[in-house]
Amino acid sequence: NGIDLDHEVTRKIEKNVRREYERN
């Protein structure tokens, strides 16, 4: 599908690090 998975994984990890969670 023409996806650079290295780039996408790096981008996703950076996004996940910025996310904030609280327990319900």
mmCIF file of all heavy atoms, coordinates in Angstrom:
data_MODEL
# 
_entry.id   MODEL 
# 
loop_
_atom_site.group_PDB 
_atom_site.id 
_atom_site.type_symbol 
_atom_site.label_atom_id 
_atom_site.label_alt_id 
_atom_site.label_comp_id 
_atom_site.label_asym_id 
_atom_site.label_entity_id 
_atom_site.label_seq_id 
_atom_site.pdbx_PDB_ins_code 
_atom_site.Cartn_x 
_atom_site.Cartn_y 
_atom_site.Cartn_z 
_atom_site.occupancy 
_atom_site.B_iso_or_equiv 
_atom_site.pdbx_formal_charge 
_atom_site.auth_seq_id 
_atom_site.auth_comp_id 
_atom_site.auth_asym_id 
_atom_site.auth_atom_id 
_atom_site.pdbx_PDB_model_num 
ATOM 1   N N   . ASN A 1 1  ? 0.802   -1.223 0.000  1.00 0.00 ? 1  ASN A N   1 
ATOM 2   C CA  . ASN A 1 1  ? 0.000   0.000  0.000  1.00 0.00 ? 1  ASN A CA  1 
ATOM 3   C C   . ASN A 1 1  ? 0.836   1.275  0.000  1.00 0.00 ? 1  ASN A C   1 
ATOM 4   O O   . ASN A 1 1  ? 0.311   2.366  0.219  1.00 0.00 ? 1  ASN A O   1 
ATOM 5   C CB  . ASN A 1 1  ? -0.948  -0.020 1.205  1.00 0.00 ? 1  ASN A CB  1 
ATOM 6   C CG  . ASN A 1 1  ? -2.035  -1.046 1.009  1.00 0.00 ? 1  ASN A CG  1 
ATOM 7   O OD1 . ASN A 1 1  ? -3.003  -0.782 0.315  1.00 0.00 ? 1  ASN A OD1 1 
ATOM 8   N ND2 . ASN A 1 1  ? -1.855  -2.229 1.564  1.00 0.00 ? 1  ASN A ND2 1 
ATOM 9   N N   . GLY A 1 2  ? 2.145   1.128  -0.225 1.00 0.00 ? 2  GLY A N   1 
ATOM 10  C CA  . GLY A 1 2  ? 3.012   2.307  -0.318 1.00 0.00 ? 2  GLY A CA  1 
ATOM 11  C C   . GLY A 1 2  ? 3.194   3.044  0.994  1.00 0.00 ? 2  GLY A C   1 
ATOM 12  O O   . GLY A 1 2  ? 3.392   4.260  1.008  1.00 0.00 ? 2  GLY A O   1 
ATOM 13  N N   . ILE A 1 3  ? 3.135   2.321  2.088  1.00 0.00 ? 3  ILE A N   1 
ATOM 14  C CA  . ILE A 1 3  ? 3.260   2.939  3.412  1.00 0.00 ? 3  ILE A CA  1 
ATOM 15  C C   . ILE A 1 3  ? 4.638   2.666  3.984  1.00 0.00 ? 3  ILE A C   1 
ATOM 16  O O   . ILE A 1 3  ? 5.088   1.520  4.028  1.00 0.00 ? 3  ILE A O   1 
ATOM 17  C CB  . ILE A 1 3  ? 2.165   2.407  4.357  1.00 0.00 ? 3  ILE A CB  1 
ATOM 18  C CG1 . ILE A 1 3  ? 0.801   2.867  3.843  1.00 0.00 ? 3  ILE A CG1 1 
ATOM 19  C CG2 . ILE A 1 3  ? 2.403   2.853  5.797  1.00 0.00 ? 3  ILE A CG2 1 
ATOM 20  C CD1 . ILE A 1 3  ? -0.364  2.249  4.544  1.00 0.00 ? 3  ILE A CD1 1 
ATOM 21  N N   . ASP A 1 4  ? 5.304   3.720  4.424  1.00 0.00 ? 4  ASP A N   1 
ATOM 22  C CA  . ASP A 1 4  ? 6.592   3.608  5.104  1.00 0.00 ? 4  ASP A CA  1 
ATOM 23  C C   . ASP A 1 4  ? 6.278   3.325  6.571  1.00 0.00 ? 4  ASP A C   1 
ATOM 24  O O   . ASP A 1 4  ? 6.009   4.239  7.351  1.00 0.00 ? 4  ASP A O   1 
ATOM 25  C CB  . ASP A 1 4  ? 7.378   4.911  4.944  1.00 0.00 ? 4  ASP A CB  1 
ATOM 26  C CG  . ASP A 1 4  ? 8.710   4.920  5.672  1.00 0.00 ? 4  ASP A CG  1 
ATOM 27  O OD1 . ASP A 1 4  ? 8.982   4.007  6.488  1.00 0.00 ? 4  ASP A OD1 1 
ATOM 28  O OD2 . ASP A 1 4  ? 9.480   5.865  5.454  1.00 0.00 ? 4  ASP A OD2 1 
ATOM 29  N N   . LEU A 1 5  ? 6.276   2.053  6.949  1.00 0.00 ? 5  LEU A N   1 
ATOM 30  C CA  . LEU A 1 5  ? 5.867   1.671  8.297  1.00 0.00 ? 5  LEU A CA  1 
ATOM 31  C C   . LEU A 1 5  ? 6.818   2.217  9.357  1.00 0.00 ? 5  LEU A C   1 
ATOM 32  O O   . LEU A 1 5  ? 6.384   2.554  10.460 1.00 0.00 ? 5  LEU A O   1 
ATOM 33  C CB  . LEU A 1 5  ? 5.740   0.143  8.400  1.00 0.00 ? 5  LEU A CB  1 
ATOM 34  C CG  . LEU A 1 5  ? 4.877   -0.369 9.538  1.00 0.00 ? 5  LEU A CG  1 
ATOM 35  C CD1 . LEU A 1 5  ? 3.472   0.217  9.507  1.00 0.00 ? 5  LEU A CD1 1 
ATOM 36  C CD2 . LEU A 1 5  ? 4.826   -1.880 9.526  1.00 0.00 ? 5  LEU A CD2 1 
ATOM 37  N N   . ASP A 1 6  ? 8.080   2.345  9.041  1.00 0.00 ? 6  ASP A N   1 
ATOM 38  C CA  . ASP A 1 6  ? 9.044   2.937  9.975  1.00 0.00 ? 6  ASP A CA  1 
ATOM 39  C C   . ASP A 1 6  ? 8.580   4.341  10.370 1.00 0.00 ? 6  ASP A C   1 
ATOM 40  O O   . ASP A 1 6  ? 8.509   4.676  11.559 1.00 0.00 ? 6  ASP A O   1 
ATOM 41  C CB  . ASP A 1 6  ? 10.430  2.981  9.324  1.00 0.00 ? 6  ASP A CB  1 
ATOM 42  C CG  . ASP A 1 6  ? 11.530  3.346  10.285 1.00 0.00 ? 6  ASP A CG  1 
ATOM 43  O OD1 . ASP A 1 6  ? 11.809  4.548  10.461 1.00 0.00 ? 6  ASP A OD1 1 
ATOM 44  O OD2 . ASP A 1 6  ? 12.116  2.419  10.872 1.00 0.00 ? 6  ASP A OD2 1 
ATOM 45  N N   . HIS A 1 7  ? 8.229   5.128  9.379  1.00 0.00 ? 7  HIS A N   1 
ATOM 46  C CA  . HIS A 1 7  ? 7.751   6.495  9.621  1.00 0.00 ? 7  HIS A CA  1 
ATOM 47  C C   . HIS A 1 7  ? 6.447   6.484  10.418 1.00 0.00 ? 7  HIS A C   1 
ATOM 48  O O   . HIS A 1 7  ? 6.293   7.243  11.387 1.00 0.00 ? 7  HIS A O   1 
ATOM 49  C CB  . HIS A 1 7  ? 7.555   7.219  8.283  1.00 0.00 ? 7  HIS A CB  1 
ATOM 50  C CG  . HIS A 1 7  ? 6.871   8.528  8.404  1.00 0.00 ? 7  HIS A CG  1 
ATOM 51  N ND1 . HIS A 1 7  ? 7.495   9.653  8.893  1.00 0.00 ? 7  HIS A ND1 1 
ATOM 52  C CD2 . HIS A 1 7  ? 5.593   8.890  8.128  1.00 0.00 ? 7  HIS A CD2 1 
ATOM 53  C CE1 . HIS A 1 7  ? 6.633   10.663 8.906  1.00 0.00 ? 7  HIS A CE1 1 
ATOM 54  N NE2 . HIS A 1 7  ? 5.468   10.215 8.448  1.00 0.00 ? 7  HIS A NE2 1 
ATOM 55  N N   . GLU A 1 8  ? 5.516   5.625  10.028 1.00 0.00 ? 8  GLU A N   1 
ATOM 56  C CA  . GLU A 1 8  ? 4.208   5.590  10.684 1.00 0.00 ? 8  GLU A CA  1 
ATOM 57  C C   . GLU A 1 8  ? 4.300   5.133  12.138 1.00 0.00 ? 8  GLU A C   1 
ATOM 58  O O   . GLU A 1 8  ? 3.606   5.669  13.006 1.00 0.00 ? 8  GLU A O   1 
ATOM 59  C CB  . GLU A 1 8  ? 3.238   4.696  9.907  1.00 0.00 ? 8  GLU A CB  1 
ATOM 60  C CG  . GLU A 1 8  ? 2.880   5.230  8.539  1.00 0.00 ? 8  GLU A CG  1 
ATOM 61  C CD  . GLU A 1 8  ? 2.173   6.576  8.571  1.00 0.00 ? 8  GLU A CD  1 
ATOM 62  O OE1 . GLU A 1 8  ? 1.453   6.881  9.546  1.00 0.00 ? 8  GLU A OE1 1 
ATOM 63  O OE2 . GLU A 1 8  ? 2.332   7.326  7.592  1.00 0.00 ? 8  GLU A OE2 1 
ATOM 64  N N   . VAL A 1 9  ? 5.158   4.160  12.422 1.00 0.00 ? 9  VAL A N   1 
ATOM 65  C CA  . VAL A 1 9  ? 5.325   3.691  13.808 1.00 0.00 ? 9  VAL A CA  1 
ATOM 66  C C   . VAL A 1 9  ? 5.937   4.796  14.660 1.00 0.00 ? 9  VAL A C   1 
ATOM 67  O O   . VAL A 1 9  ? 5.479   5.056  15.778 1.00 0.00 ? 9  VAL A O   1 
ATOM 68  C CB  . VAL A 1 9  ? 6.167   2.396  13.859 1.00 0.00 ? 9  VAL A CB  1 
ATOM 69  C CG1 . VAL A 1 9  ? 6.583   2.070  15.285 1.00 0.00 ? 9  VAL A CG1 1 
ATOM 70  C CG2 . VAL A 1 9  ? 5.388   1.232  13.256 1.00 0.00 ? 9  VAL A CG2 1 
ATOM 71  N N   . THR A 1 10 ? 6.949   5.469  14.130 1.00 0.00 ? 10 THR A N   1 
ATOM 72  C CA  . THR A 1 10 ? 7.574   6.579  14.862 1.00 0.00 ? 10 THR A CA  1 
ATOM 73  C C   . THR A 1 10 ? 6.548   7.656  15.177 1.00 0.00 ? 10 THR A C   1 
ATOM 74  O O   . THR A 1 10 ? 6.434   8.130  16.314 1.00 0.00 ? 10 THR A O   1 
ATOM 75  C CB  . THR A 1 10 ? 8.736   7.176  14.051 1.00 0.00 ? 10 THR A CB  1 
ATOM 76  O OG1 . THR A 1 10 ? 9.715   6.160  13.837 1.00 0.00 ? 10 THR A OG1 1 
ATOM 77  C CG2 . THR A 1 10 ? 9.363   8.358  14.761 1.00 0.00 ? 10 THR A CG2 1 
ATOM 78  N N   . ARG A 1 11 ? 5.765   8.029  14.172 1.00 0.00 ? 11 ARG A N   1 
ATOM 79  C CA  . ARG A 1 11 ? 4.746   9.063  14.334 1.00 0.00 ? 11 ARG A CA  1 
ATOM 80  C C   . ARG A 1 11 ? 3.687   8.642  15.357 1.00 0.00 ? 11 ARG A C   1 
ATOM 81  O O   . ARG A 1 11 ? 3.269   9.432  16.208 1.00 0.00 ? 11 ARG A O   1 
ATOM 82  C CB  . ARG A 1 11 ? 4.098   9.327  12.980 1.00 0.00 ? 11 ARG A CB  1 
ATOM 83  C CG  . ARG A 1 11 ? 3.301   10.588 12.895 1.00 0.00 ? 11 ARG A CG  1 
ATOM 84  C CD  . ARG A 1 11 ? 2.907   10.815 11.455 1.00 0.00 ? 11 ARG A CD  1 
ATOM 85  N NE  . ARG A 1 11 ? 1.907   9.828  11.073 1.00 0.00 ? 11 ARG A NE  1 
ATOM 86  C CZ  . ARG A 1 11 ? 0.686   10.133 10.642 1.00 0.00 ? 11 ARG A CZ  1 
ATOM 87  N NH1 . ARG A 1 11 ? 0.331   11.380 10.505 1.00 0.00 ? 11 ARG A NH1 1 
ATOM 88  N NH2 . ARG A 1 11 ? -0.165  9.179  10.322 1.00 0.00 ? 11 ARG A NH2 1 
ATOM 89  N N   . LYS A 1 12 ? 3.276   7.380  15.314 1.00 0.00 ? 12 LYS A N   1 
ATOM 90  C CA  . LYS A 1 12 ? 2.241   6.890  16.237 1.00 0.00 ? 12 LYS A CA  1 
ATOM 91  C C   . LYS A 1 12 ? 2.748   6.845  17.676 1.00 0.00 ? 12 LYS A C   1 
ATOM 92  O O   . LYS A 1 12 ? 2.022   7.194  18.614 1.00 0.00 ? 12 LYS A O   1 
ATOM 93  C CB  . LYS A 1 12 ? 1.758   5.512  15.792 1.00 0.00 ? 12 LYS A CB  1 
ATOM 94  C CG  . LYS A 1 12 ? 0.644   4.950  16.631 1.00 0.00 ? 12 LYS A CG  1 
ATOM 95  C CD  . LYS A 1 12 ? -0.610  5.797  16.555 1.00 0.00 ? 12 LYS A CD  1 
ATOM 96  C CE  . LYS A 1 12 ? -1.721  5.112  17.338 1.00 0.00 ? 12 LYS A CE  1 
ATOM 97  N NZ  . LYS A 1 12 ? -2.940  5.885  17.384 1.00 0.00 ? 12 LYS A NZ  1 
ATOM 98  N N   . ILE A 1 13 ? 3.990   6.410  17.867 1.00 0.00 ? 13 ILE A N   1 
ATOM 99  C CA  . ILE A 1 13 ? 4.554   6.391  19.229 1.00 0.00 ? 13 ILE A CA  1 
ATOM 100 C C   . ILE A 1 13 ? 4.608   7.805  19.789 1.00 0.00 ? 13 ILE A C   1 
ATOM 101 O O   . ILE A 1 13 ? 4.241   8.038  20.952 1.00 0.00 ? 13 ILE A O   1 
ATOM 102 C CB  . ILE A 1 13 ? 5.944   5.717  19.238 1.00 0.00 ? 13 ILE A CB  1 
ATOM 103 C CG1 . ILE A 1 13 ? 5.783   4.208  19.012 1.00 0.00 ? 13 ILE A CG1 1 
ATOM 104 C CG2 . ILE A 1 13 ? 6.681   6.009  20.551 1.00 0.00 ? 13 ILE A CG2 1 
ATOM 105 C CD1 . ILE A 1 13 ? 7.086   3.459  18.808 1.00 0.00 ? 13 ILE A CD1 1 
ATOM 106 N N   . GLU A 1 14 ? 5.049   8.762  18.975 1.00 0.00 ? 14 GLU A N   1 
ATOM 107 C CA  . GLU A 1 14 ? 5.104   10.151 19.432 1.00 0.00 ? 14 GLU A CA  1 
ATOM 108 C C   . GLU A 1 14 ? 3.715   10.657 19.798 1.00 0.00 ? 14 GLU A C   1 
ATOM 109 O O   . GLU A 1 14 ? 3.544   11.356 20.799 1.00 0.00 ? 14 GLU A O   1 
ATOM 110 C CB  . GLU A 1 14 ? 5.736   11.029 18.353 1.00 0.00 ? 14 GLU A CB  1 
ATOM 111 C CG  . GLU A 1 14 ? 7.218   10.761 18.178 1.00 0.00 ? 14 GLU A CG  1 
ATOM 112 C CD  . GLU A 1 14 ? 7.815   11.411 16.940 1.00 0.00 ? 14 GLU A CD  1 
ATOM 113 O OE1 . GLU A 1 14 ? 7.060   11.992 16.116 1.00 0.00 ? 14 GLU A OE1 1 
ATOM 114 O OE2 . GLU A 1 14 ? 9.048   11.322 16.782 1.00 0.00 ? 14 GLU A OE2 1 
ATOM 115 N N   . LYS A 1 15 ? 2.698   10.287 19.014 1.00 0.00 ? 15 LYS A N   1 
ATOM 116 C CA  . LYS A 1 15 ? 1.320   10.687 19.304 1.00 0.00 ? 15 LYS A CA  1 
ATOM 117 C C   . LYS A 1 15 ? 0.832   10.057 20.603 1.00 0.00 ? 15 LYS A C   1 
ATOM 118 O O   . LYS A 1 15 ? 0.217   10.722 21.438 1.00 0.00 ? 15 LYS A O   1 
ATOM 119 C CB  . LYS A 1 15 ? 0.418   10.260 18.142 1.00 0.00 ? 15 LYS A CB  1 
ATOM 120 C CG  . LYS A 1 15 ? -1.015  10.673 18.281 1.00 0.00 ? 15 LYS A CG  1 
ATOM 121 C CD  . LYS A 1 15 ? -1.803  10.277 17.038 1.00 0.00 ? 15 LYS A CD  1 
ATOM 122 C CE  . LYS A 1 15 ? -3.231  10.729 17.109 1.00 0.00 ? 15 LYS A CE  1 
ATOM 123 N NZ  . LYS A 1 15 ? -3.972  10.388 15.873 1.00 0.00 ? 15 LYS A NZ  1 
ATOM 124 N N   . ASN A 1 16 ? 1.128   8.761  20.789 1.00 0.00 ? 16 ASN A N   1 
ATOM 125 C CA  . ASN A 1 16 ? 0.699   8.071  22.004 1.00 0.00 ? 16 ASN A CA  1 
ATOM 126 C C   . ASN A 1 16 ? 1.333   8.657  23.258 1.00 0.00 ? 16 ASN A C   1 
ATOM 127 O O   . ASN A 1 16 ? 0.690   8.733  24.311 1.00 0.00 ? 16 ASN A O   1 
ATOM 128 C CB  . ASN A 1 16 ? 1.014   6.585  21.912 1.00 0.00 ? 16 ASN A CB  1 
ATOM 129 C CG  . ASN A 1 16 ? 0.091   5.858  20.960 1.00 0.00 ? 16 ASN A CG  1 
ATOM 130 O OD1 . ASN A 1 16 ? -0.934  6.384  20.528 1.00 0.00 ? 16 ASN A OD1 1 
ATOM 131 N ND2 . ASN A 1 16 ? 0.467   4.644  20.607 1.00 0.00 ? 16 ASN A ND2 1 
ATOM 132 N N   . VAL A 1 17 ? 2.577   9.084  23.160 1.00 0.00 ? 17 VAL A N   1 
ATOM 133 C CA  . VAL A 1 17 ? 3.271   9.673  24.306 1.00 0.00 ? 17 VAL A CA  1 
ATOM 134 C C   . VAL A 1 17 ? 2.570   10.960 24.746 1.00 0.00 ? 17 VAL A C   1 
ATOM 135 O O   . VAL A 1 17 ? 2.468   11.238 25.943 1.00 0.00 ? 17 VAL A O   1 
ATOM 136 C CB  . VAL A 1 17 ? 4.765   9.931  23.961 1.00 0.00 ? 17 VAL A CB  1 
ATOM 137 C CG1 . VAL A 1 17 ? 5.430   10.830 24.979 1.00 0.00 ? 17 VAL A CG1 1 
ATOM 138 C CG2 . VAL A 1 17 ? 5.506   8.609  23.847 1.00 0.00 ? 17 VAL A CG2 1 
ATOM 139 N N   . ARG A 1 18 ? 2.054   11.731 23.794 1.00 0.00 ? 18 ARG A N   1 
ATOM 140 C CA  . ARG A 1 18 ? 1.390   13.005 24.123 1.00 0.00 ? 18 ARG A CA  1 
ATOM 141 C C   . ARG A 1 18 ? -0.017  12.819 24.690 1.00 0.00 ? 18 ARG A C   1 
ATOM 142 O O   . ARG A 1 18 ? -0.544  13.705 25.350 1.00 0.00 ? 18 ARG A O   1 
ATOM 143 C CB  . ARG A 1 18 ? 1.316   13.892 22.878 1.00 0.00 ? 18 ARG A CB  1 
ATOM 144 C CG  . ARG A 1 18 ? 2.643   14.423 22.405 1.00 0.00 ? 18 ARG A CG  1 
ATOM 145 C CD  . ARG A 1 18 ? 2.477   15.466 21.308 1.00 0.00 ? 18 ARG A CD  1 
ATOM 146 N NE  . ARG A 1 18 ? 1.667   15.006 20.179 1.00 0.00 ? 18 ARG A NE  1 
ATOM 147 C CZ  . ARG A 1 18 ? 2.138   14.361 19.117 1.00 0.00 ? 18 ARG A CZ  1 
ATOM 148 N NH1 . ARG A 1 18 ? 3.423   14.083 19.027 1.00 0.00 ? 18 ARG A NH1 1 
ATOM 149 N NH2 . ARG A 1 18 ? 1.322   13.992 18.137 1.00 0.00 ? 18 ARG A NH2 1 
ATOM 150 N N   . ARG A 1 19 ? -0.633  11.683 24.460 1.00 0.00 ? 19 ARG A N   1 
ATOM 151 C CA  . ARG A 1 19 ? -2.001  11.454 24.931 1.00 0.00 ? 19 ARG A CA  1 
ATOM 152 C C   . ARG A 1 19 ? -2.044  11.332 26.455 1.00 0.00 ? 19 ARG A C   1 
ATOM 153 O O   . ARG A 1 19 ? -1.119  10.826 27.064 1.00 0.00 ? 19 ARG A O   1 
ATOM 154 C CB  . ARG A 1 19 ? -2.568  10.173 24.322 1.00 0.00 ? 19 ARG A CB  1 
ATOM 155 C CG  . ARG A 1 19 ? -2.916  10.326 22.870 1.00 0.00 ? 19 ARG A CG  1 
ATOM 156 C CD  . ARG A 1 19 ? -3.444  9.048  22.308 1.00 0.00 ? 19 ARG A CD  1 
ATOM 157 N NE  . ARG A 1 19 ? -4.038  9.277  20.997 1.00 0.00 ? 19 ARG A NE  1 
ATOM 158 C CZ  . ARG A 1 19 ? -4.392  8.321  20.176 1.00 0.00 ? 19 ARG A CZ  1 
ATOM 159 N NH1 . ARG A 1 19 ? -4.256  7.049  20.515 1.00 0.00 ? 19 ARG A NH1 1 
ATOM 160 N NH2 . ARG A 1 19 ? -4.914  8.612  19.006 1.00 0.00 ? 19 ARG A NH2 1 
ATOM 161 N N   . GLU A 1 20 ? -3.145  11.800 27.024 1.00 0.00 ? 20 GLU A N   1 
ATOM 162 C CA  . GLU A 1 20 ? -3.331  11.709 28.469 1.00 0.00 ? 20 GLU A CA  1 
ATOM 163 C C   . GLU A 1 20 ? -4.552  10.861 28.769 1.00 0.00 ? 20 GLU A C   1 
ATOM 164 O O   . GLU A 1 20 ? -5.548  10.904 28.050 1.00 0.00 ? 20 GLU A O   1 
ATOM 165 C CB  . GLU A 1 20 ? -3.499  13.107 29.060 1.00 0.00 ? 20 GLU A CB  1 
ATOM 166 C CG  . GLU A 1 20 ? -2.250  13.958 28.909 1.00 0.00 ? 20 GLU A CG  1 
ATOM 167 C CD  . GLU A 1 20 ? -2.438  15.365 29.449 1.00 0.00 ? 20 GLU A CD  1 
ATOM 168 O OE1 . GLU A 1 20 ? -3.412  15.597 30.198 1.00 0.00 ? 20 GLU A OE1 1 
ATOM 169 O OE2 . GLU A 1 20 ? -1.621  16.220 29.099 1.00 0.00 ? 20 GLU A OE2 1 
ATOM 170 N N   . TYR A 1 21 ? -4.455  10.078 29.841 1.00 0.00 ? 21 TYR A N   1 
ATOM 171 C CA  . TYR A 1 21 ? -5.525  9.151  30.228 1.00 0.00 ? 21 TYR A CA  1 
ATOM 172 C C   . TYR A 1 21 ? -5.855  9.327  31.695 1.00 0.00 ? 21 TYR A C   1 
ATOM 173 O O   . TYR A 1 21 ? -5.003  9.684  32.495 1.00 0.00 ? 21 TYR A O   1 
ATOM 174 C CB  . TYR A 1 21 ? -5.086  7.695  30.006 1.00 0.00 ? 21 TYR A CB  1 
ATOM 175 C CG  . TYR A 1 21 ? -4.855  7.353  28.560 1.00 0.00 ? 21 TYR A CG  1 
ATOM 176 C CD1 . TYR A 1 21 ? -3.654  7.665  27.930 1.00 0.00 ? 21 TYR A CD1 1 
ATOM 177 C CD2 . TYR A 1 21 ? -5.829  6.705  27.824 1.00 0.00 ? 21 TYR A CD2 1 
ATOM 178 C CE1 . TYR A 1 21 ? -3.443  7.354  26.592 1.00 0.00 ? 21 TYR A CE1 1 
ATOM 179 C CE2 . TYR A 1 21 ? -5.628  6.380  26.488 1.00 0.00 ? 21 TYR A CE2 1 
ATOM 180 C CZ  . TYR A 1 21 ? -4.428  6.710  25.883 1.00 0.00 ? 21 TYR A CZ  1 
ATOM 181 O OH  . TYR A 1 21 ? -4.230  6.398  24.567 1.00 0.00 ? 21 TYR A OH  1 
ATOM 182 N N   . GLU A 1 22 ? -7.095  9.048  32.012 1.00 0.00 ? 22 GLU A N   1 
ATOM 183 C CA  . GLU A 1 22 ? -7.543  8.963  33.405 1.00 0.00 ? 22 GLU A CA  1 
ATOM 184 C C   . GLU A 1 22 ? -8.337  7.677  33.531 1.00 0.00 ? 22 GLU A C   1 
ATOM 185 O O   . GLU A 1 22 ? -9.005  7.248  32.589 1.00 0.00 ? 22 GLU A O   1 
ATOM 186 C CB  . GLU A 1 22 ? -8.430  10.159 33.776 1.00 0.00 ? 22 GLU A CB  1 
ATOM 187 C CG  . GLU A 1 22 ? -7.668  11.463 33.834 1.00 0.00 ? 22 GLU A CG  1 
ATOM 188 C CD  . GLU A 1 22 ? -8.571  12.646 34.186 1.00 0.00 ? 22 GLU A CD  1 
ATOM 189 O OE1 . GLU A 1 22 ? -9.783  12.430 34.454 1.00 0.00 ? 22 GLU A OE1 1 
ATOM 190 O OE2 . GLU A 1 22 ? -8.065  13.770 34.164 1.00 0.00 ? 22 GLU A OE2 1 
ATOM 191 N N   . ARG A 1 23 ? -8.276  7.080  34.691 1.00 0.00 ? 23 ARG A N   1 
ATOM 192 C CA  . ARG A 1 23 ? -9.035  5.842  34.904 1.00 0.00 ? 23 ARG A CA  1 
ATOM 193 C C   . ARG A 1 23 ? -10.480 6.192  35.250 1.00 0.00 ? 23 ARG A C   1 
ATOM 194 O O   . ARG A 1 23 ? -10.736 7.075  36.050 1.00 0.00 ? 23 ARG A O   1 
ATOM 195 C CB  . ARG A 1 23 ? -8.396  5.013  36.013 1.00 0.00 ? 23 ARG A CB  1 
ATOM 196 C CG  . ARG A 1 23 ? -7.023  4.502  35.607 1.00 0.00 ? 23 ARG A CG  1 
ATOM 197 C CD  . ARG A 1 23 ? -6.555  3.365  36.495 1.00 0.00 ? 23 ARG A CD  1 
ATOM 198 N NE  . ARG A 1 23 ? -5.252  2.913  36.061 1.00 0.00 ? 23 ARG A NE  1 
ATOM 199 C CZ  . ARG A 1 23 ? -5.032  1.960  35.167 1.00 0.00 ? 23 ARG A CZ  1 
ATOM 200 N NH1 . ARG A 1 23 ? -6.060  1.344  34.605 1.00 0.00 ? 23 ARG A NH1 1 
ATOM 201 N NH2 . ARG A 1 23 ? -3.817  1.603  34.830 1.00 0.00 ? 23 ARG A NH2 1 
ATOM 202 N N   . ASN A 1 24 ? -11.407 5.454  34.641 1.00 0.00 ? 24 ASN A N   1 
ATOM 203 C CA  . ASN A 1 24 ? -12.822 5.666  34.957 1.00 0.00 ? 24 ASN A CA  1 
ATOM 204 C C   . ASN A 1 24 ? -13.188 4.916  36.234 1.00 0.00 ? 24 ASN A C   1 
ATOM 205 O O   . ASN A 1 24 ? -12.320 4.333  36.892 1.00 0.00 ? 24 ASN A O   1 
ATOM 206 C CB  . ASN A 1 24 ? -13.726 5.281  33.770 1.00 0.00 ? 24 ASN A CB  1 
ATOM 207 C CG  . ASN A 1 24 ? -13.733 3.784  33.488 1.00 0.00 ? 24 ASN A CG  1 
ATOM 208 O OD1 . ASN A 1 24 ? -13.267 2.950  34.271 1.00 0.00 ? 24 ASN A OD1 1 
ATOM 209 N ND2 . ASN A 1 24 ? -14.280 3.428  32.338 1.00 0.00 ? 24 ASN A ND2 1 
# 
